[in-house]
Amino acid sequence: MIGIDTNVLVRHIVQDDQKQAREATRLIESHCTADDPGLISLVVLCELVWVLDCGYGYERDTIAGLLRRLLAVSDLRIERSELAWQAVGLYEKGKADFADYVIGLSHSAQGAEITYTFDRRASGCKLFKLVES
């Protein structure tokens, strides 16, 4: 199994740098199979969403669709995929960043009753409570 960093995944998806895109695609296609999938961490997913949103201006629904496809392919293994699926569902319906949902779900899975935040967008989700100043 190999791990795939955010920058490799971005090049493979966006195809904006011809040389790096070719190398990223070659790497993924030659090393990632259903029997030996490439590993993508939750941190990589969070960074990917941020880069596609802030760096490339992708729309939220486009990013969510892309995440769903990544989670569904057999030649990639997403760390804590059940949690990632839940985070995608919240991201599609909510206003907070994908990483916020990953944080809230991770805390909840480890027994936290609630995650306190100053982020008003995240506080719209039942996983969070706004810290009032």
Protein backbone atom coordinates (compact mmCIF):
# COMPACT_ATOMS: atom_id res chain seq x y z
CA MET A 1 0.00 0.00 0.00
CA ILE A 2 1.11 3.52 -0.75
CA GLY A 3 -0.05 6.78 0.77
CA ILE A 4 -1.13 9.65 -1.45
CA ASP A 5 -0.40 13.24 -0.43
CA THR A 6 -2.76 16.12 -1.14
CA ASN A 7 -0.61 17.66 -3.86
CA VAL A 8 -0.52 14.38 -5.83
CA LEU A 9 -4.28 13.96 -5.52
CA VAL A 10 -4.90 17.57 -6.58
CA ARG A 11 -2.70 17.19 -9.67
CA HIS A 12 -4.52 13.96 -10.59
CA ILE A 13 -7.96 15.54 -10.18
CA VAL A 14 -7.41 19.04 -11.53
CA GLN A 15 -4.92 18.20 -14.32
CA ASP A 16 -3.65 21.79 -14.34
CA ASP A 17 0.09 21.10 -14.50
CA GLN A 18 0.67 18.81 -17.46
CA LYS A 19 3.88 17.16 -16.23
CA GLN A 20 2.80 16.69 -12.59
CA ALA A 21 -0.70 15.59 -13.63
CA ARG A 22 0.80 12.92 -15.89
CA GLU A 23 3.11 11.69 -13.12
CA ALA A 24 0.34 11.71 -10.49
CA THR A 25 -2.03 9.81 -12.76
CA ARG A 26 0.69 7.32 -13.70
CA LEU A 27 1.51 6.75 -10.04
CA ILE A 28 -2.12 6.24 -8.99
CA GLU A 29 -3.00 4.04 -11.95
CA SER A 30 0.10 1.84 -11.58
CA HIS A 31 0.19 1.50 -7.77
CA CYS A 32 -3.44 1.61 -6.64
CA THR A 33 -5.64 -1.42 -7.19
CA ALA A 34 -8.62 -3.00 -5.47
CA ASP A 35 -6.23 -5.59 -3.98
CA ASP A 36 -3.65 -3.00 -2.96
CA PRO A 37 -5.40 0.38 -2.64
CA GLY A 38 -3.75 3.73 -2.17
CA LEU A 39 -4.29 5.30 1.24
CA ILE A 40 -5.81 8.75 1.63
CA SER A 41 -5.91 10.19 5.14
CA LEU A 42 -8.65 12.40 6.54
CA VAL A 43 -6.12 15.23 6.66
CA VAL A 44 -5.57 14.85 2.92
CA LEU A 45 -9.33 14.96 2.31
CA CYS A 46 -9.61 18.14 4.40
CA GLU A 47 -6.72 19.76 2.55
CA LEU A 48 -8.15 18.65 -0.79
CA VAL A 49 -11.48 20.33 -0.07
CA TRP A 50 -9.74 23.51 1.04
CA VAL A 51 -7.52 23.62 -2.08
CA LEU A 52 -10.41 22.93 -4.46
CA ASP A 53 -12.58 25.56 -2.76
CA CYS A 54 -10.11 28.34 -2.02
CA GLY A 55 -7.47 27.67 -4.65
CA TYR A 56 -9.59 26.62 -7.60
CA GLY A 57 -13.02 28.04 -6.79
CA TYR A 58 -14.87 24.73 -7.09
CA GLU A 59 -18.50 24.85 -5.98
CA ARG A 60 -19.56 22.98 -2.83
CA ASP A 61 -21.72 20.47 -4.73
CA THR A 62 -18.89 19.71 -7.15
CA ILE A 63 -16.50 19.08 -4.26
CA ALA A 64 -19.04 16.87 -2.48
CA GLY A 65 -19.56 14.83 -5.65
CA LEU A 66 -15.82 14.41 -6.03
CA LEU A 67 -15.50 13.26 -2.40
CA ARG A 68 -18.28 10.73 -2.95
CA ARG A 69 -16.46 9.34 -5.99
CA LEU A 70 -13.18 9.08 -4.06
CA LEU A 71 -14.93 7.24 -1.24
CA ALA A 72 -16.61 4.85 -3.68
CA VAL A 73 -13.64 3.70 -5.77
CA SER A 74 -12.09 0.38 -4.81
CA ASP A 75 -8.51 1.31 -5.66
CA LEU A 76 -8.36 3.94 -2.89
CA ARG A 77 -8.79 3.43 0.85
CA ILE A 78 -9.94 6.46 2.81
CA GLU A 79 -8.95 6.61 6.47
CA ARG A 80 -12.05 6.25 8.67
CA SER A 81 -14.28 6.04 5.60
CA GLU A 82 -17.52 5.78 7.61
CA LEU A 83 -16.71 9.08 9.29
CA ALA A 84 -15.71 10.59 5.95
CA TRP A 85 -19.06 9.55 4.42
CA GLN A 86 -20.89 11.20 7.32
CA ALA A 87 -18.81 14.35 6.94
CA VAL A 88 -19.63 14.52 3.22
CA GLY A 89 -23.34 14.26 4.02
CA LEU A 90 -23.13 17.10 6.53
CA TYR A 91 -20.97 19.18 4.17
CA GLU A 92 -23.51 18.82 1.37
CA LYS A 93 -26.35 20.09 3.55
CA GLY A 94 -24.53 22.48 5.86
CA LYS A 95 -22.60 25.71 5.72
CA ALA A 96 -19.41 24.82 7.60
CA ASP A 97 -16.17 23.65 6.08
CA PHE A 98 -15.64 19.94 5.46
CA ALA A 99 -12.82 19.93 8.03
CA ASP A 100 -15.23 21.26 10.68
CA TYR A 101 -17.53 18.30 10.16
CA VAL A 102 -14.59 15.90 10.33
CA ILE A 103 -13.54 17.52 13.62
CA GLY A 104 -17.02 17.38 15.13
CA LEU A 105 -17.61 13.78 14.06
CA SER A 106 -14.15 12.71 15.28
CA HIS A 107 -14.76 14.27 18.68
CA SER A 108 -18.21 12.69 18.90
CA ALA A 109 -16.84 9.26 17.95
CA GLN A 110 -14.34 9.56 20.81
CA GLY A 111 -17.06 10.37 23.33
CA ALA A 112 -17.29 14.16 23.32
CA GLU A 113 -20.81 15.39 24.00
CA ILE A 114 -20.26 18.56 22.00
CA THR A 115 -17.46 20.52 20.33
CA TYR A 116 -17.26 24.18 21.28
CA THR A 117 -16.40 26.64 18.54
CA PHE A 118 -16.28 30.33 17.65
CA ASP A 119 -17.26 29.41 14.07
CA ARG A 120 -20.87 30.51 13.53
CA ARG A 121 -21.23 28.36 10.41
CA ALA A 122 -20.14 25.23 12.28
CA SER A 123 -22.40 26.07 15.23
CA GLY A 124 -25.40 25.47 12.97
CA CYS A 125 -24.66 21.74 13.25
CA LYS A 126 -25.76 19.71 16.28
CA LEU A 127 -22.15 18.57 16.79
CA PHE A 128 -21.11 22.10 17.77
CA LYS A 129 -21.99 24.77 20.29
CA LEU A 130 -21.01 28.38 19.81
CA VAL A 131 -18.81 29.96 22.45
CA GLU A 132 -20.49 33.28 23.20
CA SER A 133 -18.23 36.17 24.04
